[in-house]
N, C-alpha and C. Protein backbone atom coordinates (compact mmCIF):
# COMPACT_ATOMS: atom_id res chain seq x y z
N MET A 1 112.12 140.87 93.68
CA MET A 1 112.02 140.12 94.97
C MET A 1 110.49 139.81 95.28
N ILE A 2 109.59 140.69 95.03
CA ILE A 2 108.21 140.44 95.21
C ILE A 2 107.66 139.47 94.13
N LEU A 3 108.31 139.58 92.88
CA LEU A 3 107.86 138.68 91.90
C LEU A 3 108.39 137.18 92.26
N GLN A 4 109.48 137.14 92.79
CA GLN A 4 110.01 135.84 93.23
C GLN A 4 109.08 135.18 94.29
N TYR A 5 108.61 135.90 95.22
CA TYR A 5 107.74 135.47 96.24
C TYR A 5 106.48 134.90 95.72
N PHE A 6 105.87 135.73 94.76
CA PHE A 6 104.55 135.26 94.17
C PHE A 6 104.76 133.94 93.29
N TYR A 7 105.91 133.87 92.65
CA TYR A 7 106.34 132.64 91.90
C TYR A 7 106.48 131.47 92.81
N ALA A 8 107.16 131.60 94.01
CA ALA A 8 107.37 130.66 94.96
C ALA A 8 105.93 130.17 95.54
N MET A 9 105.12 131.08 95.89
CA MET A 9 103.63 130.78 96.36
C MET A 9 102.93 129.88 95.34
N ALA A 10 103.02 130.43 94.00
CA ALA A 10 102.34 129.68 93.00
C ALA A 10 102.89 128.28 92.86
N ASN A 11 104.15 128.11 93.01
CA ASN A 11 104.75 126.77 92.88
C ASN A 11 104.40 125.88 94.08
N ILE A 12 104.24 126.39 95.28
CA ILE A 12 103.72 125.67 96.36
C ILE A 12 102.30 125.27 96.17
N PHE A 13 101.40 126.13 95.67
CA PHE A 13 100.10 125.96 95.33
C PHE A 13 100.03 124.74 94.25
N ARG A 14 100.84 124.92 93.25
CA ARG A 14 100.83 123.87 92.18
C ARG A 14 101.11 122.58 92.68
N LYS A 15 102.14 122.42 93.57
CA LYS A 15 102.64 121.12 94.10
C LYS A 15 101.49 120.46 95.02
N ASN A 16 100.92 121.41 95.85
CA ASN A 16 99.87 120.84 96.89
C ASN A 16 98.64 120.49 96.05
N LEU A 17 98.22 121.19 95.03
CA LEU A 17 97.07 120.87 94.23
C LEU A 17 97.29 119.55 93.49
N ARG A 18 98.52 119.42 92.91
CA ARG A 18 98.74 118.10 92.16
C ARG A 18 98.81 116.92 93.26
N LYS A 19 99.36 117.15 94.31
CA LYS A 19 99.48 116.12 95.34
C LYS A 19 97.98 115.69 95.82
N GLU A 20 97.15 116.67 95.97
CA GLU A 20 95.75 116.41 96.43
C GLU A 20 94.98 115.69 95.33
N LEU A 21 95.14 116.20 94.06
CA LEU A 21 94.51 115.54 92.90
C LEU A 21 94.87 114.05 92.81
N ASP A 22 96.20 113.79 92.93
CA ASP A 22 96.69 112.43 92.81
C ASP A 22 96.19 111.62 94.03
N TYR A 23 96.16 112.15 95.30
CA TYR A 23 95.74 111.41 96.40
C TYR A 23 94.22 110.98 96.24
N GLN A 24 93.43 111.97 95.72
CA GLN A 24 92.06 111.70 95.62
C GLN A 24 91.59 110.93 94.29
N GLY A 25 92.72 110.74 93.41
CA GLY A 25 92.39 110.04 92.25
C GLY A 25 91.53 110.80 91.28
N LEU A 26 91.64 112.24 91.28
CA LEU A 26 90.80 113.13 90.46
C LEU A 26 91.72 113.58 89.23
N THR A 27 90.97 113.69 88.17
CA THR A 27 91.66 114.38 86.96
C THR A 27 91.44 115.74 86.94
N VAL A 28 92.16 116.56 86.18
CA VAL A 28 91.91 117.96 86.06
C VAL A 28 90.56 118.10 85.46
N LYS A 29 90.25 117.32 84.52
CA LYS A 29 88.85 117.41 83.77
C LYS A 29 87.83 117.25 84.83
N GLU A 30 87.90 116.35 85.74
CA GLU A 30 86.92 116.09 86.82
C GLU A 30 86.76 117.27 87.71
N LEU A 31 87.99 117.77 88.16
CA LEU A 31 88.02 119.04 89.01
C LEU A 31 87.36 120.22 88.34
N SER A 32 87.64 120.30 87.00
CA SER A 32 86.96 121.35 86.23
C SER A 32 85.47 121.30 86.29
N ALA A 33 85.00 120.11 86.10
CA ALA A 33 83.49 119.82 86.15
C ALA A 33 82.83 120.19 87.36
N LYS A 34 83.67 119.80 88.44
CA LYS A 34 83.13 120.05 89.83
C LYS A 34 83.20 121.41 90.38
N THR A 35 84.22 122.27 89.81
CA THR A 35 84.28 123.58 90.19
C THR A 35 83.85 124.68 89.23
N ASN A 36 83.51 124.15 88.04
CA ASN A 36 83.13 125.12 87.06
C ASN A 36 84.28 126.02 86.57
N ILE A 37 85.51 125.69 86.77
CA ILE A 37 86.76 126.37 86.56
C ILE A 37 87.20 125.70 85.15
N PRO A 38 87.37 126.44 84.10
CA PRO A 38 87.72 125.86 82.82
C PRO A 38 89.04 124.98 83.02
N LYS A 39 89.21 123.84 82.33
CA LYS A 39 90.21 122.90 82.47
C LYS A 39 91.62 123.65 82.00
N GLY A 40 91.56 124.53 81.09
CA GLY A 40 92.71 125.22 80.71
C GLY A 40 93.25 126.16 81.73
N THR A 41 92.31 126.70 82.58
CA THR A 41 92.66 127.54 83.71
C THR A 41 93.39 126.70 84.73
N LEU A 42 92.78 125.59 85.01
CA LEU A 42 93.36 124.69 86.03
C LEU A 42 94.80 124.18 85.61
N ASP A 43 94.85 123.96 84.24
CA ASP A 43 96.19 123.61 83.76
C ASP A 43 97.18 124.61 84.00
N CYS A 44 96.75 125.91 83.92
CA CYS A 44 97.73 127.01 84.18
C CYS A 44 98.16 126.99 85.66
N TYR A 45 97.31 126.58 86.57
CA TYR A 45 97.66 126.53 87.88
C TYR A 45 98.64 125.35 88.26
N LEU A 46 98.49 124.38 87.35
CA LEU A 46 99.36 123.14 87.53
C LEU A 46 100.55 123.06 86.66
N GLY A 47 100.68 124.04 85.66
CA GLY A 47 101.80 123.96 84.81
C GLY A 47 103.19 124.47 85.47
N MET A 48 104.24 124.18 84.73
CA MET A 48 105.59 124.53 85.25
C MET A 48 105.64 126.05 85.42
N ARG A 49 104.82 126.83 84.62
CA ARG A 49 104.87 128.21 84.96
C ARG A 49 103.57 128.59 85.74
N ALA A 50 103.49 127.87 86.82
CA ALA A 50 102.32 127.90 87.74
C ALA A 50 101.94 129.41 87.94
N SER A 51 100.59 129.58 87.97
CA SER A 51 99.98 130.89 88.31
C SER A 51 99.19 130.71 89.44
N MET A 52 99.05 131.68 90.39
CA MET A 52 98.25 131.60 91.61
C MET A 52 96.87 131.96 91.16
N PRO A 53 95.88 131.17 91.68
CA PRO A 53 94.39 131.53 91.23
C PRO A 53 93.88 132.69 92.06
N PRO A 54 92.93 133.26 91.55
CA PRO A 54 92.29 134.32 92.42
C PRO A 54 91.63 133.65 93.62
N ALA A 55 91.35 134.44 94.68
CA ALA A 55 90.80 133.90 95.77
C ALA A 55 89.48 132.99 95.66
N ASP A 56 88.66 133.46 94.78
CA ASP A 56 87.35 132.81 94.68
C ASP A 56 87.60 131.41 93.95
N ALA A 57 88.59 131.32 93.00
CA ALA A 57 88.86 130.07 92.40
C ALA A 57 89.54 129.12 93.43
N ALA A 58 90.46 129.66 94.19
CA ALA A 58 91.10 128.79 95.22
C ALA A 58 90.13 128.29 96.34
N VAL A 59 89.09 129.07 96.58
CA VAL A 59 87.97 128.66 97.61
C VAL A 59 87.21 127.42 96.83
N LYS A 60 86.95 127.66 95.60
CA LYS A 60 86.11 126.57 94.88
C LYS A 60 86.82 125.25 94.83
N ILE A 61 88.17 125.37 94.58
CA ILE A 61 89.11 124.24 94.46
C ILE A 61 89.07 123.56 95.90
N ALA A 62 89.38 124.30 96.90
CA ALA A 62 89.57 123.78 98.23
C ALA A 62 88.22 123.04 98.72
N ARG A 63 87.10 123.71 98.40
CA ARG A 63 85.86 123.09 98.83
C ARG A 63 85.56 121.75 98.19
N VAL A 64 85.96 121.64 96.88
CA VAL A 64 85.67 120.49 96.13
C VAL A 64 86.53 119.35 96.61
N LEU A 65 87.86 119.74 96.87
CA LEU A 65 88.81 118.74 97.50
C LEU A 65 88.63 118.51 98.88
N GLU A 66 87.91 119.22 99.55
CA GLU A 66 87.64 119.17 101.07
C GLU A 66 88.95 119.40 101.90
N VAL A 67 89.68 120.41 101.48
CA VAL A 67 90.81 120.93 102.01
C VAL A 67 90.71 122.34 102.33
N SER A 68 91.61 122.94 103.12
CA SER A 68 91.47 124.39 103.28
C SER A 68 92.30 125.14 102.20
N VAL A 69 91.97 126.31 101.88
CA VAL A 69 92.87 127.12 101.07
C VAL A 69 94.26 127.19 101.57
N ASP A 70 94.32 127.46 102.95
CA ASP A 70 95.49 127.67 103.61
C ASP A 70 96.43 126.40 103.25
N TYR A 71 95.88 125.20 103.29
CA TYR A 71 96.58 124.02 102.87
C TYR A 71 97.15 124.08 101.48
N LEU A 72 96.33 124.43 100.60
CA LEU A 72 96.66 124.54 99.20
C LEU A 72 97.79 125.60 99.07
N VAL A 73 97.72 126.64 99.76
CA VAL A 73 98.70 127.81 99.58
C VAL A 73 99.98 127.47 100.32
N THR A 74 99.86 126.83 101.59
CA THR A 74 101.11 126.70 102.29
C THR A 74 101.52 125.22 102.52
N GLY A 75 100.66 124.26 102.41
CA GLY A 75 100.88 122.97 102.71
C GLY A 75 100.63 122.61 104.08
N GLN A 76 100.16 123.53 104.86
CA GLN A 76 99.83 123.27 106.32
C GLN A 76 98.48 123.91 106.68
N GLU A 77 97.88 123.42 107.65
CA GLU A 77 96.70 123.99 108.16
C GLU A 77 96.96 125.12 109.06
N ALA A 78 96.18 126.17 109.28
CA ALA A 78 96.36 127.41 109.99
C ALA A 78 96.87 127.04 111.45
N ARG A 79 96.27 126.04 112.10
CA ARG A 79 96.66 125.74 113.49
C ARG A 79 97.67 124.62 113.62
N GLY A 80 98.54 124.48 112.71
CA GLY A 80 99.52 123.47 112.85
C GLY A 80 99.31 122.32 111.99
N LYS A 81 100.03 121.21 112.24
CA LYS A 81 99.85 120.02 111.41
C LYS A 81 98.57 119.36 111.72
N SER A 82 98.04 118.86 110.58
CA SER A 82 96.73 118.12 110.67
C SER A 82 96.71 116.93 109.69
N LEU A 83 95.65 116.23 109.68
CA LEU A 83 95.70 115.03 108.77
C LEU A 83 95.85 115.43 107.33
N VAL A 84 95.40 116.68 106.97
CA VAL A 84 95.45 117.17 105.57
C VAL A 84 96.94 117.33 105.13
N SER A 85 97.79 117.79 106.07
CA SER A 85 99.12 118.07 105.69
C SER A 85 100.16 116.85 105.98
N THR A 86 99.61 115.74 106.24
CA THR A 86 100.57 114.50 106.45
C THR A 86 100.71 113.87 105.11
N THR A 87 101.65 112.82 105.21
CA THR A 87 101.89 112.16 103.95
C THR A 87 100.71 111.33 103.44
N SER A 88 100.76 110.94 102.17
CA SER A 88 99.60 110.28 101.59
C SER A 88 99.56 108.80 102.26
N VAL A 89 100.69 108.18 102.72
CA VAL A 89 100.76 106.96 103.28
C VAL A 89 99.95 107.06 104.61
N ILE A 90 100.22 108.07 105.49
CA ILE A 90 99.62 108.09 106.68
C ILE A 90 98.17 108.37 106.61
N ARG A 91 97.66 109.21 105.57
CA ARG A 91 96.35 109.47 105.32
C ARG A 91 95.58 108.19 104.96
N SER A 92 96.31 107.36 104.12
CA SER A 92 95.62 106.09 103.70
C SER A 92 95.51 105.17 104.90
N ILE A 93 96.43 105.19 105.73
CA ILE A 93 96.34 104.28 106.90
C ILE A 93 95.26 104.69 107.84
N VAL A 94 95.17 106.04 107.95
CA VAL A 94 94.00 106.54 108.84
C VAL A 94 92.68 106.09 108.21
N GLN A 95 92.58 106.37 106.84
CA GLN A 95 91.34 106.03 106.21
C GLN A 95 90.96 104.51 106.40
N ILE A 96 91.94 103.61 106.32
CA ILE A 96 91.62 102.24 106.52
C ILE A 96 91.15 101.91 108.01
N LEU A 97 91.98 102.59 108.94
CA LEU A 97 91.74 102.44 110.35
C LEU A 97 90.31 102.85 110.68
N GLU A 98 89.78 103.87 110.15
CA GLU A 98 88.47 104.45 110.36
C GLU A 98 87.33 103.41 110.00
N ASN A 99 87.70 102.53 109.07
CA ASN A 99 86.63 101.55 108.66
C ASN A 99 86.79 100.29 109.40
N LEU A 100 87.68 100.11 110.40
CA LEU A 100 87.86 99.06 111.26
C LEU A 100 86.98 99.07 112.46
N ASP A 101 86.53 98.06 113.11
CA ASP A 101 85.84 98.21 114.43
C ASP A 101 86.81 98.46 115.42
N GLU A 102 86.35 98.81 116.55
CA GLU A 102 87.19 99.28 117.73
C GLU A 102 88.17 98.16 118.15
N LYS A 103 87.75 97.00 118.22
CA LYS A 103 88.62 95.90 118.57
C LYS A 103 89.84 95.78 117.59
N ASP A 104 89.64 95.83 116.28
CA ASP A 104 90.67 95.83 115.32
C ASP A 104 91.54 97.02 115.37
N GLN A 105 90.96 98.19 115.56
CA GLN A 105 91.76 99.42 115.75
C GLN A 105 92.68 99.34 116.99
N ASN A 106 92.24 98.72 118.06
CA ASN A 106 93.12 98.48 119.12
C ASN A 106 94.21 97.49 118.94
N THR A 107 93.83 96.44 118.19
CA THR A 107 94.95 95.52 117.72
C THR A 107 95.97 96.21 116.86
N VAL A 108 95.56 97.08 115.96
CA VAL A 108 96.53 97.81 115.15
C VAL A 108 97.44 98.77 115.97
N LEU A 109 96.70 99.38 116.99
CA LEU A 109 97.50 100.30 117.86
C LEU A 109 98.46 99.52 118.67
N GLY A 110 98.20 98.20 119.11
CA GLY A 110 99.15 97.48 119.83
C GLY A 110 100.35 97.12 118.95
N LEU A 111 100.03 96.81 117.67
CA LEU A 111 101.15 96.55 116.69
C LEU A 111 102.08 97.73 116.50
N VAL A 112 101.41 98.80 116.38
CA VAL A 112 102.15 100.10 116.13
C VAL A 112 103.12 100.49 117.22
N LYS A 113 102.57 100.13 118.61
CA LYS A 113 103.33 100.42 119.68
C LYS A 113 104.61 99.48 119.83
N VAL A 114 104.30 98.13 119.44
CA VAL A 114 105.35 97.26 119.38
C VAL A 114 106.43 97.74 118.38
N LEU A 115 106.06 98.14 117.11
CA LEU A 115 106.97 98.53 116.21
C LEU A 115 107.73 99.87 116.66
N LYS A 116 107.09 100.74 117.29
CA LYS A 116 107.67 101.92 117.75
C LYS A 116 108.68 101.56 118.88
N LYS A 117 108.42 100.62 119.74
CA LYS A 117 109.39 100.24 120.84
C LYS A 117 110.53 99.51 120.17
N GLN A 118 110.35 98.73 119.21
CA GLN A 118 111.54 98.14 118.41
C GLN A 118 112.39 99.08 117.76
N SER A 119 111.84 100.17 117.14
CA SER A 119 112.68 101.19 116.52
C SER A 119 113.38 102.06 117.42
N ASP A 120 112.82 102.27 118.61
CA ASP A 120 113.40 103.03 119.69
C ASP A 120 114.58 102.34 120.35
N GLY A 121 114.46 101.07 120.46
CA GLY A 121 115.48 100.31 121.32
C GLY A 121 116.44 99.51 120.53
């Protein structure tokens, strides 16, 4: 039973790490260079027989990816849902919005409110 728990946690870590690498457009080789963790070790964390990294490695990975260790391990931030734990589509939308001026942001907000009203009604 304990072994199943650790396997499940390693699998969650593997999926979140892969999702974050894909989202950021990073390769395992690039992550290896930035963390000084051997590529083969990172491959073990990402493989079908995923293994859970030691805490120091998880911290290095999280820092380079600019996410929390909690997110990598659980898929959520410690204090509930945050931008890190949303879908990649929402994260992409937010990144685009951040680059718009306030007038354009308000225009997009108005469009979103219209779409929401249409879907509700």
